[in-house]
Protein backbone atom coordinates (compact mmCIF):
# COMPACT_ATOMS: atom_id res chain seq x y z
CA MET A 1 90.32 139.25 113.67
CA LEU A 2 87.98 137.67 111.12
CA SER A 3 84.45 137.61 112.55
CA PRO A 4 82.26 134.49 112.52
CA GLY A 5 80.46 134.07 109.22
CA HIS A 6 80.60 132.60 105.74
CA TYR A 7 83.15 134.08 103.35
CA VAL A 8 83.55 133.29 99.67
CA GLY A 9 86.89 132.83 97.89
CA PRO A 10 89.13 132.39 96.20
CA TRP A 11 91.41 134.65 98.22
CA ARG A 12 94.93 135.19 96.85
CA PHE A 13 97.42 137.20 98.88
CA THR A 14 100.45 138.53 97.03
CA HIS A 15 102.01 139.90 100.24
CA ARG A 16 102.78 138.28 103.56
CA VAL A 17 99.58 138.10 105.58
CA ARG A 18 98.25 137.27 109.04
CA VAL A 19 94.68 135.98 109.30
CA ARG A 20 93.15 135.21 112.70
CA ALA A 21 89.61 133.89 112.57
CA SER A 22 87.02 133.57 115.30
CA ALA A 23 85.17 130.29 115.78
CA GLY A 24 82.52 129.94 113.10
CA ALA A 25 84.44 131.68 110.32
CA THR A 26 84.36 129.62 107.12
CA LEU A 27 85.77 130.20 103.65
CA SER A 28 84.27 128.40 100.64
CA PRO A 29 85.67 128.35 97.09
CA GLY A 30 82.87 130.22 95.34
CA ASP A 31 82.31 130.19 91.57
CA ALA A 32 85.44 132.07 90.47
CA GLU A 33 88.44 130.02 89.33
CA ASP A 34 91.96 130.86 90.52
CA PRO A 35 94.99 129.71 88.48
CA GLY A 36 96.24 128.02 91.65
CA HIS A 37 93.05 125.94 91.91
CA ALA A 38 92.73 126.81 95.59
CA THR A 39 90.38 128.63 97.94
CA LEU A 40 93.16 130.43 99.85
CA ILE A 41 96.53 131.08 98.21
CA LEU A 42 99.60 132.50 99.95
CA GLU A 43 102.27 133.76 97.55
CA ARG A 44 104.46 135.30 100.25
CA GLY A 45 103.48 133.14 103.20
CA GLY A 46 102.23 134.30 106.58
CA GLN A 47 100.08 133.02 109.43
CA VAL A 48 96.53 131.69 109.38
CA GLU A 49 94.69 130.63 112.53
CA GLY A 50 91.24 129.27 113.33
CA LEU A 51 89.71 129.32 109.85
CA ALA A 52 87.62 126.57 108.25
CA ILE A 53 88.42 126.31 104.52
CA GLU A 54 86.69 124.19 101.90
CA ALA A 55 88.58 122.98 98.84
CA PRO A 56 87.11 123.33 95.35
CA ALA A 57 86.58 120.21 93.26
CA LYS A 58 89.97 119.00 91.94
CA GLY A 59 91.68 121.77 93.89
CA TYR A 60 93.13 122.71 97.28
CA ALA A 61 91.68 124.35 100.35
CA LEU A 62 95.00 126.08 101.13
CA ARG A 63 97.99 126.56 98.84
CA VAL A 64 101.44 127.88 99.78
CA GLU A 65 103.78 128.94 97.00
CA ARG A 66 107.54 129.17 97.63
CA SER A 67 107.32 130.93 100.97
CA THR A 68 107.19 130.37 104.73
CA ALA A 69 103.87 129.86 106.50
CA THR A 70 102.51 128.89 109.91
CA PHE A 71 99.04 127.47 110.53
CA ALA A 72 97.09 126.62 113.69
CA ARG A 73 93.62 125.28 114.43
CA LEU A 74 92.52 125.12 110.79
CA HIS A 75 89.73 122.87 109.52
CA LEU A 76 90.56 121.97 105.93
CA THR A 77 87.73 120.08 104.28
CA GLY A 78 86.01 119.42 100.96
CA ASN A 79 86.05 116.93 98.13
CA GLY A 80 89.03 118.30 96.26
CA GLU A 81 92.61 117.21 95.69
CA ALA A 82 94.11 118.24 99.06
CA GLY A 83 93.42 120.20 102.20
CA LEU A 84 96.92 121.73 102.23
CA TYR A 85 99.21 121.89 99.22
CA PHE A 86 102.66 123.47 99.22
CA VAL A 87 105.58 123.69 96.83
CA GLY A 88 109.09 124.96 97.55
CA SER A 89 108.02 126.19 100.99
CA LYS A 90 108.60 125.95 104.72
CA VAL A 91 105.35 125.03 106.45
CA ARG A 92 104.54 124.58 110.12
CA ALA A 93 101.06 123.48 111.22
CA SER A 94 99.53 122.40 114.52
CA GLU A 95 96.15 121.37 115.91
CA CYS A 96 94.53 121.23 112.48
CA ASP A 97 91.74 119.00 111.15
CA PHE A 98 92.06 117.50 107.68
CA GLU A 99 88.72 116.07 106.59
CA GLY A 100 87.74 114.76 103.17
CA ASN A 101 89.76 115.56 100.02
CA ALA A 102 91.99 113.01 98.32
CA TYR A 103 94.99 114.08 100.42
CA GLY A 104 95.11 115.80 103.77
CA VAL A 105 98.55 117.27 103.05
CA LEU A 106 100.29 117.18 99.67
CA GLY A 107 103.74 118.70 99.29
CA GLU A 108 106.49 119.05 96.68
CA GLY A 109 110.03 120.11 97.34
CA PRO A 110 112.45 121.25 98.03
CA SER A 111 110.31 121.97 101.08
CA THR A 112 110.13 121.61 104.85
CA LEU A 113 107.06 120.39 106.76
CA ASP A 114 106.59 120.41 110.54
CA LEU A 115 103.15 119.07 111.49
CA GLY A 116 101.91 118.22 114.95
CA SER A 117 98.86 117.39 117.06
CA SER A 118 96.56 117.24 114.05
CA ARG A 119 93.79 114.87 112.95
CA PHE A 120 93.14 113.24 109.59
CA HIS A 121 89.93 111.47 108.62
CA GLY A 122 88.05 110.84 105.42
CA ASN A 123 91.10 111.49 103.21
CA VAL A 124 90.70 109.05 100.34
CA ARG A 125 94.24 108.57 99.05
CA ALA A 126 96.62 109.59 101.87
CA GLY A 127 96.83 111.60 105.03
CA VAL A 128 100.26 113.05 104.25
CA ALA A 129 102.09 112.64 100.93
CA VAL A 130 105.36 114.50 100.37
CA VAL A 131 108.14 114.53 97.78
CA SER A 132 111.64 115.93 98.41
CA THR A 133 110.50 117.41 101.71
CA ALA A 134 112.27 117.42 105.07
CA THR A 135 109.38 116.20 107.19
CA THR A 136 108.59 116.13 110.91
CA LEU A 137 105.29 114.59 112.07
CA LYS A 138 104.55 114.45 115.79
CA ASP A 139 101.52 113.26 117.77
CA ASN A 140 99.11 113.19 114.85
CA GLN A 141 96.06 110.92 114.51
CA LEU A 142 95.35 109.42 111.10
CA VAL A 143 92.14 107.47 110.56
CA GLY A 144 91.70 105.62 107.27
CA PRO A 145 91.18 103.73 105.22
CA PHE A 146 93.69 105.34 102.85
CA TYR A 147 93.90 104.05 99.29
CA GLU A 148 97.66 104.72 99.02
CA ALA A 149 99.04 105.11 102.55
CA ALA A 150 98.49 107.04 105.74
CA VAL A 151 101.91 108.64 105.20
CA THR A 152 103.97 108.55 102.00
CA ALA A 153 107.47 110.02 101.73
CA ILE A 154 109.32 109.95 98.39
CA HIS A 155 112.94 111.12 98.12
CA CYS A 156 112.70 112.72 101.56
CA ASP A 157 115.64 113.21 103.92
CA PRO A 158 115.26 113.56 106.79
CA VAL A 159 111.88 112.26 107.91
CA LYS A 160 111.16 112.27 111.63
CA LEU A 161 108.00 110.62 112.95
CA SER A 162 107.15 110.40 116.64
CA GLY A 163 104.01 109.44 118.51
CA ASN A 164 101.75 109.28 115.46
CA ARG A 165 98.80 106.88 115.58
CA THR A 166 97.22 105.38 112.48
CA THR A 167 94.06 103.26 112.61
CA ALA A 168 92.19 101.50 109.79
CA ALA A 169 95.27 102.27 107.72
CA GLY A 170 94.11 100.91 104.38
CA ALA A 171 96.62 99.56 101.87
CA VAL A 172 99.76 100.81 103.68
CA GLY A 173 100.39 102.52 106.98
CA LEU A 174 103.80 104.15 106.45
CA LYS A 175 105.38 104.16 102.99
CA PHE A 176 108.94 105.27 102.28
CA ILE A 177 110.50 105.36 98.82
CA ALA A 178 114.16 106.35 98.48
CA SER A 179 113.95 108.16 101.81
CA LYS A 180 115.73 108.30 105.16
CA ALA A 181 113.57 108.23 108.29
CA VAL A 182 113.73 107.98 112.07
CA LEU A 183 110.57 106.67 113.76
CA SER A 184 109.95 106.97 117.48
CA GLY A 185 106.92 105.41 119.14
CA GLY A 186 103.53 105.53 117.54
CA SER A 187 101.40 102.79 116.02
CA VAL A 188 99.94 101.49 112.76
CA GLU A 189 96.82 99.35 112.86
CA GLY A 190 94.68 97.75 110.19
CA ALA A 191 96.68 97.81 106.95
CA ARG A 192 94.96 95.49 104.48
CA SER A 193 94.99 94.26 100.90
CA ASP A 194 93.74 96.77 98.35
CA ALA A 195 91.10 96.35 95.66
CA GLN A 196 93.71 94.98 93.22
CA GLY A 197 94.67 92.25 95.68
CA LEU A 198 98.06 93.71 96.62
CA GLU A 199 99.02 92.79 100.15
CA GLY A 200 98.72 95.31 102.93
CA ASN A 201 101.82 96.59 104.75
CA GLY A 202 102.09 98.31 108.10
CA LEU A 203 105.50 99.65 107.08
CA TYR A 204 106.74 99.61 103.49
CA ALA A 205 110.33 100.63 102.75
CA TYR A 206 111.65 100.71 99.19
CA HIS A 207 115.37 101.40 98.93
CA SER A 208 115.15 103.50 102.08
CA THR A 209 117.00 103.73 105.39
CA ILE A 210 114.68 103.44 108.38
CA ASP A 211 115.56 103.46 112.08
CA ALA A 212 112.52 102.74 114.26
CA ALA A 213 112.19 102.42 118.02
CA GLY A 214 109.04 101.68 120.01
CA LEU A 215 106.80 101.36 116.95
CA HIS A 216 103.74 99.08 117.21
CA ILE A 217 102.31 97.46 114.05
CA ASP A 218 99.11 95.46 114.48
CA ALA A 219 96.36 93.73 112.50
CA THR A 220 97.97 93.72 109.06
CA LYS A 221 96.14 91.75 106.38
CA GLY A 222 99.36 91.01 104.54
CA VAL A 223 102.96 91.63 105.65
CA GLY A 224 103.60 93.81 108.68
CA VAL A 225 106.98 95.16 107.52
CA SER A 226 108.11 94.95 103.90
CA VAL A 227 111.74 95.78 103.10
CA ILE A 228 112.74 96.04 99.44
CA GLY A 229 116.36 97.10 99.22
CA GLY A 230 117.85 99.55 101.69
CA SER A 231 118.07 99.01 105.42
CA VAL A 232 115.45 98.85 108.16
CA SER A 233 116.24 98.56 111.87
CA LEU A 234 113.50 97.95 114.44
CA ARG A 235 114.37 98.29 118.13
CA HIS A 236 111.95 97.57 120.96
CA CYS A 237 109.09 97.35 118.47
CA GLU A 238 106.08 95.04 118.22
CA ILE A 239 104.64 93.39 115.11
CA ARG A 240 101.40 91.57 115.85
CA HIS A 241 98.60 89.77 113.99
CA SER A 242 99.93 89.70 110.41
CA THR A 243 98.02 87.30 108.15
CA GLU A 244 100.96 86.42 105.84
CA ALA A 245 104.25 87.31 107.52
CA ALA A 246 105.32 89.73 110.21
CA ALA A 247 108.16 90.89 107.95
CA SER A 248 109.78 90.24 104.59
CA VAL A 249 113.08 91.36 103.08
CA SER A 250 114.22 91.24 99.46
CA SER A 251 116.18 92.95 96.67
CA GLY A 252 119.40 93.24 98.65
CA GLY A 253 117.66 94.76 101.63
CA THR A 254 118.68 94.35 105.26
CA LEU A 255 116.28 93.96 108.19
CA THR A 256 117.41 94.02 111.81
CA LEU A 257 115.02 93.14 114.63
CA SER A 258 116.54 94.07 118.00
CA ASP A 259 114.59 93.25 121.15
CA THR A 260 111.46 93.26 119.02
CA LEU A 261 108.36 91.15 119.59
CA VAL A 262 106.87 89.24 116.67
CA ALA A 263 103.56 87.59 117.53
CA ASP A 264 100.52 85.87 116.03
CA ALA A 265 101.61 85.27 112.44
CA PRO A 266 102.08 82.19 110.25
CA VAL A 267 105.61 83.39 109.34
CA GLY A 268 107.91 85.58 111.38
CA VAL A 269 110.40 86.78 108.76
CA PHE A 270 110.40 85.76 105.11
CA VAL A 271 113.86 86.22 103.63
CA GLU A 272 114.38 86.17 99.88
CA PRO A 273 117.75 84.81 98.64
CA ASP A 274 119.03 88.34 98.07
CA GLY A 275 117.82 89.64 101.43
CA VAL A 276 119.48 89.73 104.86
CA ALA A 277 117.71 89.48 108.22
CA GLU A 278 119.24 89.69 111.70
CA THR A 279 116.80 88.31 114.27
CA SER A 280 118.99 86.90 117.06
CA THR A 281 117.49 89.15 119.76
CA ALA A 282 113.91 89.09 118.43
CA ARG A 283 111.17 87.29 120.38
CA PHE A 284 108.66 85.11 118.54
CA GLU A 285 105.34 84.21 120.16
CA ARG A 286 102.63 82.10 118.51
CA VAL A 287 104.49 82.15 115.20
CA GLU A 288 104.30 78.92 113.18
CA GLN A 289 107.58 79.47 111.32
CA PRO A 290 109.85 82.14 112.82
CA ARG A 291 112.05 82.33 109.72
CA VAL A 292 111.46 81.16 106.16
CA SER A 293 114.03 81.45 103.37
CA GLY A 294 112.86 81.90 99.79
CA LYS A 295 114.24 79.78 96.99
């Protein structure tokens, strides 16, 4: 058991390790520079519980390298690149706080991430950003604004999101690029245009396959759901208060709204000539134009 107190890193473990910290135990990066640019580095994985870790500038609070690791009740903070960074690893984390840093979690594959009951705030670019990573996110709270997205998944299959709540999302709430995802419940609120004037999106899907049920998207300054190629199906969802359109579909994409409420928007669904939208069982309330076809 690591006693309360201030410890100075970087700490690099070349063997599998178990670290249990009492409340009040903190680890700061110190002046030494590790090749991994991190305060705590796990080469062979392990378990870490209860520790507060600060990231160095342009570095990571916690780095996992091609191993298996489990984390609980960590507070990963700082003004670095990411709170948690992993590559080629299997990572499970619960009840953690990700505060500050450009990214809360940043991962590269092939990897696996299982993250639950954690909180993100003050992360400048994204809460979670993963590439080629099988990802499960459950019951997390993400508070923006995020410059890129609350959650970004690139070339990820599968992605499973359930019960996650995003507020003050920033440019995009949930972003999927060439990924396959199943979304259950949860909400995205407050996506808005970015500094370059690009429209905000609650859900952005680029050549991805998305199956969502019970998802609520609200207060988007832009388009609530943007489908560019691929296929997106929304069942029993709600899209409210979008300033441009509740949804748009283009580039050969397909959007299906089944028993989904679309409310308080100038346009319900904007369909480009090369897009397909099925809205026969959708409900439109206080929508000026439920469906608009592009030329």
